[in-house]
Amino acid sequence: QVQLVESGGGLVQAGGSLRLSCVASGRTFSSYAVGWFRQAPGKEREFVAAISWSGVSTYYGDSVKGRFTISRDNAKNTVYLRMNSLKPEDTAVYYCAADRLIATTSQDYDYWGQGTQVTVSS
């Protein structure tokens, strides 16, 4: 069992930056891949980024490539999402999710956090 808690969301102006954190409980967290997803009002949940358990493999959604960076610190049971050059269309609730295998679809993740709101003003 893995429990996830996101933090770091907030209100930022377009062009600004935020760093989201996903802290996990459970001593086996280092063996889990983690994904970030986001969901805006009236839209489907969208893949943002994912990282393998070792951190060697990472994947990004097309809309965030070159702007967002996912990383992890297994000693701290934490995965980060650094978001630069934010745009109003990045406004959404951001969720982290964990599972044994890295994936880019939400259906492949068993464990989810409660989400953190990111709002980008123009």
PDB file of N, CA and C in Angstrom:
ATOM      1  N   GLN A   1       0.843  -1.184   0.000  1.00  0.00           N
ATOM      2  CA  GLN A   1       0.000   0.000   0.000  1.00  0.00           C
ATOM      3  C   GLN A   1       0.884   1.243   0.000  1.00  0.00           C
ATOM      4  N   VAL A   2       0.529   2.198  -0.836  1.00  0.00           N
ATOM      5  CA  VAL A   2       1.265   3.458  -0.927  1.00  0.00           C
ATOM      6  C   VAL A   2       0.264   4.601  -0.794  1.00  0.00           C
ATOM      7  N   GLN A   3       0.560   5.538   0.060  1.00  0.00           N
ATOM      8  CA  GLN A   3      -0.256   6.747   0.191  1.00  0.00           C
ATOM      9  C   GLN A   3       0.554   7.936  -0.289  1.00  0.00           C
ATOM     10  N   LEU A   4      -0.095   8.784  -1.069  1.00  0.00           N
ATOM     11  CA  LEU A   4       0.582   9.896  -1.718  1.00  0.00           C
ATOM     12  C   LEU A   4      -0.045  11.221  -1.315  1.00  0.00           C
ATOM     13  N   VAL A   5       0.788  12.221  -1.088  1.00  0.00           N
ATOM     14  CA  VAL A   5       0.308  13.557  -0.744  1.00  0.00           C
ATOM     15  C   VAL A   5       1.047  14.579  -1.590  1.00  0.00           C
ATOM     16  N   GLU A   6       0.283  15.333  -2.384  1.00  0.00           N
ATOM     17  CA  GLU A   6       0.875  16.377  -3.214  1.00  0.00           C
ATOM     18  C   GLU A   6       0.882  17.714  -2.477  1.00  0.00           C
ATOM     19  N   SER A   7       1.831  18.554  -2.839  1.00  0.00           N
ATOM     20  CA  SER A   7       1.880  19.915  -2.317  1.00  0.00           C
ATOM     21  C   SER A   7       2.636  20.783  -3.307  1.00  0.00           C
ATOM     22  N   GLY A   8       2.588  22.090  -3.083  1.00  0.00           N
ATOM     23  CA  GLY A   8       3.346  23.014  -3.915  1.00  0.00           C
ATOM     24  C   GLY A   8       2.527  23.780  -4.925  1.00  0.00           C
ATOM     25  N   GLY A   9       1.250  23.460  -5.034  1.00  0.00           N
ATOM     26  CA  GLY A   9       0.410  24.194  -5.968  1.00  0.00           C
ATOM     27  C   GLY A   9       0.153  25.610  -5.481  1.00  0.00           C
ATOM     28  N   GLY A  10      -0.447  26.403  -6.357  1.00  0.00           N
ATOM     29  CA  GLY A  10      -0.764  27.776  -5.987  1.00  0.00           C
ATOM     30  C   GLY A  10      -1.087  28.605  -7.201  1.00  0.00           C
ATOM     31  N   LEU A  11      -1.103  29.909  -6.987  1.00  0.00           N
ATOM     32  CA  LEU A  11      -1.396  30.873  -8.053  1.00  0.00           C
ATOM     33  C   LEU A  11      -0.086  31.502  -8.517  1.00  0.00           C
ATOM     34  N   VAL A  12       0.122  31.520  -9.822  1.00  0.00           N
ATOM     35  CA  VAL A  12       1.347  32.069 -10.392  1.00  0.00           C
ATOM     36  C   VAL A  12       1.005  32.781 -11.693  1.00  0.00           C
ATOM     37  N   GLN A  13       1.777  33.788 -12.025  1.00  0.00           N
ATOM     38  CA  GLN A  13       1.561  34.499 -13.285  1.00  0.00           C
ATOM     39  C   GLN A  13       2.156  33.710 -14.446  1.00  0.00           C
ATOM     40  N   ALA A  14       1.612  33.935 -15.616  1.00  0.00           N
ATOM     41  CA  ALA A  14       2.144  33.295 -16.811  1.00  0.00           C
ATOM     42  C   ALA A  14       3.635  33.603 -16.948  1.00  0.00           C
ATOM     43  N   GLY A  15       4.396  32.579 -17.304  1.00  0.00           N
ATOM     44  CA  GLY A  15       5.845  32.705 -17.406  1.00  0.00           C
ATOM     45  C   GLY A  15       6.581  32.338 -16.135  1.00  0.00           C
ATOM     46  N   GLY A  16       5.836  32.187 -15.062  1.00  0.00           N
ATOM     47  CA  GLY A  16       6.439  31.854 -13.780  1.00  0.00           C
ATOM     48  C   GLY A  16       6.703  30.366 -13.623  1.00  0.00           C
ATOM     49  N   SER A  17       7.139  30.006 -12.414  1.00  0.00           N
ATOM     50  CA  SER A  17       7.526  28.627 -12.127  1.00  0.00           C
ATOM     51  C   SER A  17       6.917  28.161 -10.814  1.00  0.00           C
ATOM     52  N   LEU A  18       6.730  26.861 -10.713  1.00  0.00           N
ATOM     53  CA  LEU A  18       6.324  26.207  -9.474  1.00  0.00           C
ATOM     54  C   LEU A  18       7.014  24.854  -9.411  1.00  0.00           C
ATOM     55  N   ARG A  19       7.178  24.364  -8.189  1.00  0.00           N
ATOM     56  CA  ARG A  19       7.655  22.999  -8.014  1.00  0.00           C
ATOM     57  C   ARG A  19       6.660  22.242  -7.150  1.00  0.00           C
ATOM     58  N   LEU A  20       6.102  21.205  -7.732  1.00  0.00           N
ATOM     59  CA  LEU A  20       5.197  20.337  -6.991  1.00  0.00           C
ATOM     60  C   LEU A  20       5.976  19.193  -6.359  1.00  0.00           C
ATOM     61  N   SER A  21       5.498  18.755  -5.202  1.00  0.00           N
ATOM     62  CA  SER A  21       6.092  17.613  -4.519  1.00  0.00           C
ATOM     63  C   SER A  21       5.027  16.544  -4.306  1.00  0.00           C
ATOM     64  N   CYS A  22       5.455  15.317  -4.378  1.00  0.00           N
ATOM     65  CA  CYS A  22       4.592  14.171  -4.104  1.00  0.00           C
ATOM     66  C   CYS A  22       5.335  13.314  -3.093  1.00  0.00           C
ATOM     67  N   VAL A  23       4.850  13.330  -1.853  1.00  0.00           N
ATOM     68  CA  VAL A  23       5.487  12.583  -0.787  1.00  0.00           C
ATOM     69  C   VAL A  23       4.712  11.300  -0.538  1.00  0.00           C
ATOM     70  N   ALA A  24       5.432  10.200  -0.459  1.00  0.00           N
ATOM     71  CA  ALA A  24       4.797   8.895  -0.307  1.00  0.00           C
ATOM     72  C   ALA A  24       5.100   8.287   1.050  1.00  0.00           C
ATOM     73  N   SER A  25       4.157   7.542   1.550  1.00  0.00           N
ATOM     74  CA  SER A  25       4.391   6.733   2.740  1.00  0.00           C
ATOM     75  C   SER A  25       4.568   5.301   2.277  1.00  0.00           C
ATOM     76  N   GLY A  26       5.285   4.532   3.046  1.00  0.00           N
ATOM     77  CA  GLY A  26       5.510   3.153   2.628  1.00  0.00           C
ATOM     78  C   GLY A  26       6.975   2.925   2.344  1.00  0.00           C
ATOM     79  N   ARG A  27       7.523   1.894   2.927  1.00  0.00           N
ATOM     80  CA  ARG A  27       8.960   1.661   2.815  1.00  0.00           C
ATOM     81  C   ARG A  27       9.384   1.114   1.486  1.00  0.00           C
ATOM     82  N   THR A  28       8.428   0.761   0.610  1.00  0.00           N
ATOM     83  CA  THR A  28       8.785   0.215  -0.693  1.00  0.00           C
ATOM     84  C   THR A  28       8.596   1.236  -1.807  1.00  0.00           C
ATOM     85  N   PHE A  29       8.453   2.510  -1.447  1.00  0.00           N
ATOM     86  CA  PHE A  29       8.193   3.523  -2.462  1.00  0.00           C
ATOM     87  C   PHE A  29       9.264   3.541  -3.534  1.00  0.00           C
ATOM     88  N   SER A  30      10.491   3.270  -3.180  1.00  0.00           N
ATOM     89  CA  SER A  30      11.590   3.330  -4.146  1.00  0.00           C
ATOM     90  C   SER A  30      11.448   2.301  -5.253  1.00  0.00           C
ATOM     91  N   SER A  31      10.542   1.350  -5.113  1.00  0.00           N
ATOM     92  CA  SER A  31      10.335   0.360  -6.162  1.00  0.00           C
ATOM     93  C   SER A  31       9.146   0.691  -7.057  1.00  0.00           C
ATOM     94  N   TYR A  32       8.551   1.874  -6.859  1.00  0.00           N
ATOM     95  CA  TYR A  32       7.384   2.280  -7.631  1.00  0.00           C
ATOM     96  C   TYR A  32       7.732   3.368  -8.647  1.00  0.00           C
ATOM     97  N   ALA A  33       7.143   3.248  -9.827  1.00  0.00           N
ATOM     98  CA  ALA A  33       7.158   4.354 -10.785  1.00  0.00           C
ATOM     99  C   ALA A  33       6.088   5.366 -10.364  1.00  0.00           C
ATOM    100  N   VAL A  34       6.300   6.612 -10.731  1.00  0.00           N
ATOM    101  CA  VAL A  34       5.365   7.674 -10.366  1.00  0.00           C
ATOM    102  C   VAL A  34       5.017   8.505 -11.597  1.00  0.00           C
ATOM    103  N   GLY A  35       3.765   8.825 -11.702  1.00  0.00           N
ATOM    104  CA  GLY A  35       3.302   9.678 -12.792  1.00  0.00           C
ATOM    105  C   GLY A  35       2.609  10.909 -12.245  1.00  0.00           C
ATOM    106  N   TRP A  36       2.675  11.978 -13.015  1.00  0.00           N
ATOM    107  CA  TRP A  36       1.896  13.186 -12.720  1.00  0.00           C
ATOM    108  C   TRP A  36       0.832  13.324 -13.811  1.00  0.00           C
ATOM    109  N   PHE A  37      -0.369  13.620 -13.381  1.00  0.00           N
ATOM    110  CA  PHE A  37      -1.481  13.867 -14.283  1.00  0.00           C
ATOM    111  C   PHE A  37      -2.152  15.166 -13.872  1.00  0.00           C
ATOM    112  N   ARG A  38      -2.933  15.728 -14.763  1.00  0.00           N
ATOM    113  CA  ARG A  38      -3.655  16.939 -14.411  1.00  0.00           C
ATOM    114  C   ARG A  38      -5.058  16.888 -15.025  1.00  0.00           C
ATOM    115  N   GLN A  39      -5.943  17.612 -14.381  1.00  0.00           N
ATOM    116  CA  GLN A  39      -7.317  17.662 -14.868  1.00  0.00           C
ATOM    117  C   GLN A  39      -7.872  19.060 -14.681  1.00  0.00           C
ATOM    118  N   ALA A  40      -8.259  19.659 -15.787  1.00  0.00           N
ATOM    119  CA  ALA A  40      -8.885  20.970 -15.772  1.00  0.00           C
ATOM    120  C   ALA A  40     -10.404  20.792 -15.779  1.00  0.00           C
ATOM    121  N   PRO A  41     -11.149  21.784 -15.300  1.00  0.00           N
ATOM    122  CA  PRO A  41     -12.609  21.670 -15.276  1.00  0.00           C
ATOM    123  C   PRO A  41     -13.179  21.361 -16.656  1.00  0.00           C
ATOM    124  N   GLY A  42     -14.020  20.347 -16.716  1.00  0.00           N
ATOM    125  CA  GLY A  42     -14.669  19.987 -17.964  1.00  0.00           C
ATOM    126  C   GLY A  42     -13.804  19.223 -18.953  1.00  0.00           C
ATOM    127  N   LYS A  43     -12.584  18.885 -18.523  1.00  0.00           N
ATOM    128  CA  LYS A  43     -11.673  18.167 -19.421  1.00  0.00           C
ATOM    129  C   LYS A  43     -11.291  16.826 -18.826  1.00  0.00           C
ATOM    130  N   GLU A  44     -10.800  15.938 -19.684  1.00  0.00           N
ATOM    131  CA  GLU A  44     -10.348  14.635 -19.227  1.00  0.00           C
ATOM    132  C   GLU A  44      -8.989  14.762 -18.530  1.00  0.00           C
ATOM    133  N   ARG A  45      -8.701  13.758 -17.699  1.00  0.00           N
ATOM    134  CA  ARG A  45      -7.410  13.740 -17.039  1.00  0.00           C
ATOM    135  C   ARG A  45      -6.316  13.555 -18.093  1.00  0.00           C
ATOM    136  N   GLU A  46      -5.257  14.340 -17.972  1.00  0.00           N
ATOM    137  CA  GLU A  46      -4.194  14.383 -18.972  1.00  0.00           C
ATOM    138  C   GLU A  46      -2.869  13.952 -18.367  1.00  0.00           C
ATOM    139  N   PHE A  47      -2.134  13.147 -19.107  1.00  0.00           N
ATOM    140  CA  PHE A  47      -0.800  12.743 -18.670  1.00  0.00           C
ATOM    141  C   PHE A  47       0.153  13.929 -18.764  1.00  0.00           C
ATOM    142  N   VAL A  48       0.975  14.097 -17.724  1.00  0.00           N
ATOM    143  CA  VAL A  48       1.949  15.179 -17.688  1.00  0.00           C
ATOM    144  C   VAL A  48       3.373  14.644 -17.767  1.00  0.00           C
ATOM    145  N   ALA A  49       3.719  13.744 -16.842  1.00  0.00           N
ATOM    146  CA  ALA A  49       5.085  13.225 -16.796  1.00  0.00           C
ATOM    147  C   ALA A  49       5.106  11.958 -15.958  1.00  0.00           C
ATOM    148  N   ALA A  50       6.143  11.145 -16.175  1.00  0.00           N
ATOM    149  CA  ALA A  50       6.309   9.927 -15.389  1.00  0.00           C
ATOM    150  C   ALA A  50       7.784   9.632 -15.226  1.00  0.00           C
ATOM    151  N   ILE A  51       8.106   8.931 -14.150  1.00  0.00           N
ATOM    152  CA  ILE A  51       9.485   8.581 -13.862  1.00  0.00           C
ATOM    153  C   ILE A  51       9.541   7.162 -13.338  1.00  0.00           C
ATOM    154  N   SER A  52      10.529   6.407 -13.765  1.00  0.00           N
ATOM    155  CA  SER A  52      10.689   5.036 -13.309  1.00  0.00           C
ATOM    156  C   SER A  52      11.173   4.999 -11.866  1.00  0.00           C
ATOM    157  N   TRP A  53      11.168   3.816 -11.264  1.00  0.00           N
ATOM    158  CA  TRP A  53      11.549   3.699  -9.858  1.00  0.00           C
ATOM    159  C   TRP A  53      12.979   4.171  -9.625  1.00  0.00           C
ATOM    160  N   SER A  54      13.841   3.957 -10.605  1.00  0.00           N
ATOM    161  CA  SER A  54      15.251   4.325 -10.461  1.00  0.00           C
ATOM    162  C   SER A  54      15.519   5.774 -10.845  1.00  0.00           C
ATOM    163  N   GLY A  55      14.561   6.369 -11.565  1.00  0.00           N
ATOM    164  CA  GLY A  55      14.778   7.723 -12.069  1.00  0.00           C
ATOM    165  C   GLY A  55      15.464   7.763 -13.419  1.00  0.00           C
ATOM    166  N   VAL A  56      15.847   6.610 -13.929  1.00  0.00           N
ATOM    167  CA  VAL A  56      16.581   6.570 -15.200  1.00  0.00           C
ATOM    168  C   VAL A  56      15.676   6.917 -16.375  1.00  0.00           C
ATOM    169  N   SER A  57      14.446   6.433 -16.328  1.00  0.00           N
ATOM    170  CA  SER A  57      13.515   6.664 -17.435  1.00  0.00           C
ATOM    171  C   SER A  57      12.490   7.720 -17.055  1.00  0.00           C
ATOM    172  N   THR A  58      12.283   8.641 -17.990  1.00  0.00           N
ATOM    173  CA  THR A  58      11.249   9.666 -17.800  1.00  0.00           C
ATOM    174  C   THR A  58      10.476   9.847 -19.106  1.00  0.00           C
ATOM    175  N   TYR A  59       9.215  10.226 -18.958  1.00  0.00           N
ATOM    176  CA  TYR A  59       8.360  10.500 -20.108  1.00  0.00           C
ATOM    177  C   TYR A  59       7.596  11.792 -19.831  1.00  0.00           C
ATOM    178  N   TYR A  60       7.265  12.496 -20.912  1.00  0.00           N
ATOM    179  CA  TYR A  60       6.543  13.754 -20.781  1.00  0.00           C
ATOM    180  C   TYR A  60       5.421  13.842 -21.805  1.00  0.00           C
ATOM    181  N   GLY A  61       4.350  14.500 -21.393  1.00  0.00           N
ATOM    182  CA  GLY A  61       3.300  14.799 -22.349  1.00  0.00           C
ATOM    183  C   GLY A  61       3.774  15.865 -23.325  1.00  0.00           C
ATOM    184  N   ASP A  62       3.226  15.855 -24.519  1.00  0.00           N
ATOM    185  CA  ASP A  62       3.683  16.781 -25.560  1.00  0.00           C
ATOM    186  C   ASP A  62       3.512  18.240 -25.149  1.00  0.00           C
ATOM    187  N   SER A  63       2.479  18.519 -24.400  1.00  0.00           N
ATOM    188  CA  SER A  63       2.191  19.910 -24.059  1.00  0.00           C
ATOM    189  C   SER A  63       3.141  20.495 -23.020  1.00  0.00           C
ATOM    190  N   VAL A  64       3.936  19.647 -22.359  1.00  0.00           N
ATOM    191  CA  VAL A  64       4.827  20.147 -21.309  1.00  0.00           C
ATOM    192  C   VAL A  64       6.302  19.886 -21.594  1.00  0.00           C
ATOM    193  N   LYS A  65       6.582  19.198 -22.688  1.00  0.00           N
ATOM    194  CA  LYS A  65       7.985  18.897 -23.010  1.00  0.00           C
ATOM    195  C   LYS A  65       8.797  20.173 -23.126  1.00  0.00           C
ATOM    196  N   GLY A  66       9.972  20.141 -22.512  1.00  0.00           N
ATOM    197  CA  GLY A  66      10.853  21.298 -22.568  1.00  0.00           C
ATOM    198  C   GLY A  66      10.570  22.340 -21.495  1.00  0.00           C
ATOM    199  N   ARG A  67       9.429  22.216 -20.808  1.00  0.00           N
ATOM    200  CA  ARG A  67       9.064  23.179 -19.760  1.00  0.00           C
ATOM    201  C   ARG A  67       9.019  22.547 -18.381  1.00  0.00           C
ATOM    202  N   PHE A  68       8.604  21.291 -18.305  1.00  0.00           N
ATOM    203  CA  PHE A  68       8.468  20.595 -17.026  1.00  0.00           C
ATOM    204  C   PHE A  68       9.567  19.549 -16.890  1.00  0.00           C
ATOM    205  N   THR A  69       9.994  19.314 -15.647  1.00  0.00           N
ATOM    206  CA  THR A  69      10.996  18.296 -15.357  1.00  0.00           C
ATOM    207  C   THR A  69      10.546  17.486 -14.153  1.00  0.00           C
ATOM    208  N   ILE A  70      10.535  16.168 -14.323  1.00  0.00           N
ATOM    209  CA  ILE A  70      10.196  15.271 -13.215  1.00  0.00           C
ATOM    210  C   ILE A  70      11.487  14.685 -12.651  1.00  0.00           C
ATOM    211  N   SER A  71      11.539  14.554 -11.337  1.00  0.00           N
ATOM    212  CA  SER A  71      12.711  13.974 -10.681  1.00  0.00           C
ATOM    213  C   SER A  71      12.251  13.309  -9.395  1.00  0.00           C
ATOM    214  N   ARG A  72      13.142  12.550  -8.783  1.00  0.00           N
ATOM    215  CA  ARG A  72      12.775  11.892  -7.537  1.00  0.00           C
ATOM    216  C   ARG A  72      13.968  11.774  -6.609  1.00  0.00           C
ATOM    217  N   ASP A  73      13.658  11.713  -5.328  1.00  0.00           N
ATOM    218  CA  ASP A  73      14.648  11.489  -4.279  1.00  0.00           C
ATOM    219  C   ASP A  73      14.105  10.345  -3.425  1.00  0.00           C
ATOM    220  N   ASN A  74      14.556   9.151  -3.706  1.00  0.00           N
ATOM    221  CA  ASN A  74      14.010   7.984  -3.004  1.00  0.00           C
ATOM    222  C   ASN A  74      14.350   7.989  -1.513  1.00  0.00           C
ATOM    223  N   ALA A  75      15.434   8.633  -1.145  1.00  0.00           N
ATOM    224  CA  ALA A  75      15.778   8.718   0.274  1.00  0.00           C
ATOM    225  C   ALA A  75      14.742   9.536   1.038  1.00  0.00           C
ATOM    226  N   LYS A  76      14.063  10.431   0.327  1.00  0.00           N
ATOM    227  CA  LYS A  76      13.045  11.275   0.947  1.00  0.00           C
ATOM    228  C   LYS A  76      11.633  10.835   0.570  1.00  0.00           C
ATOM    229  N   ASN A  77      11.526   9.725  -0.151  1.00  0.00           N
ATOM    230  CA  ASN A  77      10.207   9.242  -0.595  1.00  0.00           C
ATOM    231  C   ASN A  77       9.431  10.330  -1.333  1.00  0.00           C
ATOM    232  N   THR A  78      10.120  11.077  -2.158  1.00  0.00           N
ATOM    233  CA  THR A  78       9.501  12.240  -2.801  1.00  0.00           C
ATOM    234  C   THR A  78       9.802  12.280  -4.295  1.00  0.00           C
ATOM    235  N   VAL A  79       8.771  12.637  -5.046  1.00  0.00           N
ATOM    236  CA  VAL A  79       8.911  12.912  -6.473  1.00  0.00           C
ATOM    237  C   VAL A  79       8.531  14.372  -6.694  1.00  0.00           C
ATOM    238  N   TYR A  80       9.291  15.038  -7.551  1.00  0.00           N
ATOM    239  CA  TYR A  80       9.082  16.458  -7.817  1.00  0.00           C
ATOM    240  C   TYR A  80       8.650  16.675  -9.262  1.00  0.00           C
ATOM    241  N   LEU A  81       7.914  17.745  -9.459  1.00  0.00           N
ATOM    242  CA  LEU A  81       7.596  18.197 -10.809  1.00  0.00           C
ATOM    243  C   LEU A  81       7.921  19.680 -10.865  1.00  0.00           C
ATOM    244  N   ARG A  82       9.005  19.986 -11.532  1.00  0.00           N
ATOM    245  CA  ARG A  82       9.397  21.375 -11.714  1.00  0.00           C
ATOM    246  C   ARG A  82       8.714  21.902 -12.967  1.00  0.00           C
ATOM    247  N   MET A  83       7.973  22.997 -12.811  1.00  0.00           N
ATOM    248  CA  MET A  83       7.197  23.547 -13.922  1.00  0.00           C
ATOM    249  C   MET A  83       7.686  24.962 -14.207  1.00  0.00           C
ATOM    250  N   ASN A  84       8.256  25.148 -15.382  1.00  0.00           N
ATOM    251  CA  ASN A  84       8.748  26.459 -15.816  1.00  0.00           C
ATOM    252  C   ASN A  84       7.910  26.989 -16.976  1.00  0.00           C
ATOM    253  N   SER A  85       8.038  28.270 -17.229  1.00  0.00           N
ATOM    254  CA  SER A  85       7.337  28.914 -18.354  1.00  0.00           C
ATOM    255  C   SER A  85       5.854  28.561 -18.364  1.00  0.00           C
ATOM    256  N   LEU A  86       5.241  28.693 -17.214  1.00  0.00           N
ATOM    257  CA  LEU A  86       3.839  28.283 -17.078  1.00  0.00           C
ATOM    258  C   LEU A  86       2.921  29.141 -17.937  1.00  0.00           C
ATOM    259  N   LYS A  87       1.880  28.490 -18.438  1.00  0.00           N
ATOM    260  CA  LYS A  87       0.889  29.130 -19.299  1.00  0.00           C
ATOM    261  C   LYS A  87      -0.497  29.013 -18.649  1.00  0.00           C
ATOM    262  N   PRO A  88      -1.404  29.882 -18.997  1.00  0.00           N
ATOM    263  CA  PRO A  88      -2.758  29.766 -18.441  1.00  0.00           C
ATOM    264  C   PRO A  88      -3.381  28.390 -18.703  1.00  0.00           C
ATOM    265  N   GLU A  89      -3.048  27.779 -19.827  1.00  0.00           N
ATOM    266  CA  GLU A  89      -3.605  26.454 -20.126  1.00  0.00           C
ATOM    267  C   GLU A  89      -3.023  25.337 -19.265  1.00  0.00           C
ATOM    268  N   ASP A  90      -2.040  25.659 -18.433  1.00  0.00           N
ATOM    269  CA  ASP A  90      -1.529  24.683 -17.465  1.00  0.00           C
ATOM    270  C   ASP A  90      -2.384  24.642 -16.193  1.00  0.00           C
ATOM    271  N   THR A  91      -3.342  25.538 -16.105  1.00  0.00           N
ATOM    272  CA  THR A  91      -4.216  25.570 -14.938  1.00  0.00           C
ATOM    273  C   THR A  91      -5.011  24.273 -14.828  1.00  0.00           C
ATOM    274  N   ALA A  92      -4.903  23.615 -13.675  1.00  0.00           N
ATOM    275  CA  ALA A  92      -5.561  22.333 -13.462  1.00  0.00           C
ATOM    276  C   ALA A  92      -5.289  21.869 -12.031  1.00  0.00           C
ATOM    277  N   VAL A  93      -5.965  20.802 -11.654  1.00  0.00           N
ATOM    278  CA  VAL A  93      -5.587  20.071 -10.449  1.00  0.00           C
ATOM    279  C   VAL A  93      -4.559  19.026 -10.878  1.00  0.00           C
ATOM    280  N   TYR A  94      -3.442  19.020 -10.186  1.00  0.00           N
ATOM    281  CA  TYR A  94      -2.354  18.102 -10.501  1.00  0.00           C
ATOM    282  C   TYR A  94      -2.343  16.959  -9.498  1.00  0.00           C
ATOM    283  N   TYR A  95      -2.277  15.738 -10.028  1.00  0.00           N
ATOM    284  CA  TYR A  95      -2.276  14.538  -9.215  1.00  0.00           C
ATOM    285  C   TYR A  95      -1.005  13.739  -9.449  1.00  0.00           C
ATOM    286  N   CYS A  96      -0.480  13.139  -8.389  1.00  0.00           N
ATOM    287  CA  CYS A  96       0.570  12.161  -8.595  1.00  0.00           C
ATOM    288  C   CYS A  96      -0.016  10.773  -8.358  1.00  0.00           C
ATOM    289  N   ALA A  97       0.576   9.801  -9.010  1.00  0.00           N
ATOM    290  CA  ALA A  97       0.097   8.432  -8.946  1.00  0.00           C
ATOM    291  C   ALA A  97       1.293   7.496  -8.965  1.00  0.00           C
ATOM    292  N   ALA A  98       1.117   6.319  -8.387  1.00  0.00           N
ATOM    293  CA  ALA A  98       2.222   5.368  -8.292  1.00  0.00           C
ATOM    294  C   ALA A  98       1.776   3.980  -8.688  1.00  0.00           C
ATOM    295  N   ASP A  99       2.698   3.253  -9.285  1.00  0.00           N
ATOM    296  CA  ASP A  99       2.460   1.848  -9.602  1.00  0.00           C
ATOM    297  C   ASP A  99       3.811   1.182  -9.850  1.00  0.00           C
ATOM    298  N   ARG A 100       3.795  -0.125  -9.975  1.00  0.00           N
ATOM    299  CA  ARG A 100       5.062  -0.854 -10.112  1.00  0.00           C
ATOM    300  C   ARG A 100       5.778  -0.541 -11.422  1.00  0.00           C
ATOM    301  N   LEU A 101       4.978  -0.339 -12.502  1.00  0.00           N
ATOM    302  CA  LEU A 101       5.580  -0.106 -13.815  1.00  0.00           C
ATOM    303  C   LEU A 101       5.288   1.310 -14.291  1.00  0.00           C
ATOM    304  N   ILE A 102       6.242   1.919 -14.950  1.00  0.00           N
ATOM    305  CA  ILE A 102       6.045   3.258 -15.499  1.00  0.00           C
ATOM    306  C   ILE A 102       5.014   3.196 -16.630  1.00  0.00           C
ATOM    307  N   ALA A 103       4.154   4.182 -16.676  1.00  0.00           N
ATOM    308  CA  ALA A 103       3.106   4.212 -17.702  1.00  0.00           C
ATOM    309  C   ALA A 103       2.688   5.655 -17.955  1.00  0.00           C
ATOM    310  N   THR A 104       1.980   5.847 -19.073  1.00  0.00           N
ATOM    311  CA  THR A 104       1.531   7.192 -19.426  1.00  0.00           C
ATOM    312  C   THR A 104       0.020   7.311 -19.433  1.00  0.00           C
ATOM    313  N   THR A 105      -0.666   6.267 -19.022  1.00  0.00           N
ATOM    314  CA  THR A 105      -2.124   6.302 -18.967  1.00  0.00           C
ATOM    315  C   THR A 105      -2.589   6.147 -17.529  1.00  0.00           C
ATOM    316  N   SER A 106      -3.610   6.894 -17.159  1.00  0.00           N
ATOM    317  CA  SER A 106      -4.057   6.910 -15.770  1.00  0.00           C
ATOM    318  C   SER A 106      -4.581   5.548 -15.310  1.00  0.00           C
ATOM    319  N   GLN A 107      -5.120   4.782 -16.246  1.00  0.00           N
ATOM    320  CA  GLN A 107      -5.690   3.482 -15.873  1.00  0.00           C
ATOM    321  C   GLN A 107      -4.638   2.513 -15.344  1.00  0.00           C
ATOM    322  N   ASP A 108      -3.383   2.777 -15.641  1.00  0.00           N
ATOM    323  CA  ASP A 108      -2.306   1.875 -15.239  1.00  0.00           C
ATOM    324  C   ASP A 108      -1.763   2.149 -13.840  1.00  0.00           C
ATOM    325  N   TYR A 109      -2.301   3.159 -13.182  1.00  0.00           N
ATOM    326  CA  TYR A 109      -1.807   3.511 -11.850  1.00  0.00           C
ATOM    327  C   TYR A 109      -2.850   3.140 -10.789  1.00  0.00           C
ATOM    328  N   ASP A 110      -2.402   2.482  -9.750  1.00  0.00           N
ATOM    329  CA  ASP A 110      -3.301   2.021  -8.694  1.00  0.00           C
ATOM    330  C   ASP A 110      -3.432   3.008  -7.541  1.00  0.00           C
ATOM    331  N   TYR A 111      -2.405   3.770  -7.266  1.00  0.00           N
ATOM    332  CA  TYR A 111      -2.393   4.636  -6.084  1.00  0.00           C
ATOM    333  C   TYR A 111      -2.358   6.097  -6.514  1.00  0.00           C
ATOM    334  N   TRP A 112      -3.203   6.908  -5.867  1.00  0.00           N
ATOM    335  CA  TRP A 112      -3.363   8.310  -6.251  1.00  0.00           C
ATOM    336  C   TRP A 112      -3.364   9.212  -5.032  1.00  0.00           C
ATOM    337  N   GLY A 113      -2.838  10.419  -5.228  1.00  0.00           N
ATOM    338  CA  GLY A 113      -2.960  11.447  -4.213  1.00  0.00           C
ATOM    339  C   GLY A 113      -4.249  12.212  -4.381  1.00  0.00           C
ATOM    340  N   GLN A 114      -4.431  13.207  -3.509  1.00  0.00           N
ATOM    341  CA  GLN A 114      -5.692  13.953  -3.509  1.00  0.00           C
ATOM    342  C   GLN A 114      -5.675  15.137  -4.465  1.00  0.00           C
ATOM    343  N   GLY A 115      -4.509  15.496  -4.952  1.00  0.00           N
ATOM    344  CA  GLY A 115      -4.373  16.570  -5.919  1.00  0.00           C
ATOM    345  C   GLY A 115      -4.007  17.902  -5.297  1.00  0.00           C
ATOM    346  N   THR A 116      -3.393  18.756  -6.099  1.00  0.00           N
ATOM    347  CA  THR A 116      -3.060  20.117  -5.686  1.00  0.00           C
ATOM    348  C   THR A 116      -3.384  21.064  -6.838  1.00  0.00           C
ATOM    349  N   GLN A 117      -3.994  22.186  -6.506  1.00  0.00           N
ATOM    350  CA  GLN A 117      -4.465  23.112  -7.541  1.00  0.00           C
ATOM    351  C   GLN A 117      -3.330  24.010  -8.012  1.00  0.00           C
ATOM    352  N   VAL A 118      -3.190  24.117  -9.318  1.00  0.00           N
ATOM    353  CA  VAL A 118      -2.265  25.057  -9.942  1.00  0.00           C
ATOM    354  C   VAL A 118      -3.094  26.008 -10.806  1.00  0.00           C
ATOM    355  N   THR A 119      -2.939  27.301 -10.557  1.00  0.00           N
ATOM    356  CA  THR A 119      -3.656  28.307 -11.330  1.00  0.00           C
ATOM    357  C   THR A 119      -2.659  29.285 -11.915  1.00  0.00           C
ATOM    358  N   VAL A 120      -2.689  29.439 -13.226  1.00  0.00           N
ATOM    359  CA  VAL A 120      -1.769  30.337 -13.915  1.00  0.00           C
ATOM    360  C   VAL A 120      -2.583  31.491 -14.490  1.00  0.00           C
ATOM    361  N   SER A 121      -2.281  32.689 -14.043  1.00  0.00           N
ATOM    362  CA  SER A 121      -3.016  33.868 -14.511  1.00  0.00           C
ATOM    363  C   SER A 121      -2.309  34.496 -15.707  1.00  0.00           C
ATOM    364  N   SER A 122      -3.099  35.074 -16.588  1.00  0.00           N
ATOM    365  CA  SER A 122      -2.517  35.685 -17.790  1.00  0.00           C
ATOM    366  C   SER A 122      -2.161  37.142 -17.557  1.00  0.00           C
TER     367      SER A 122
END
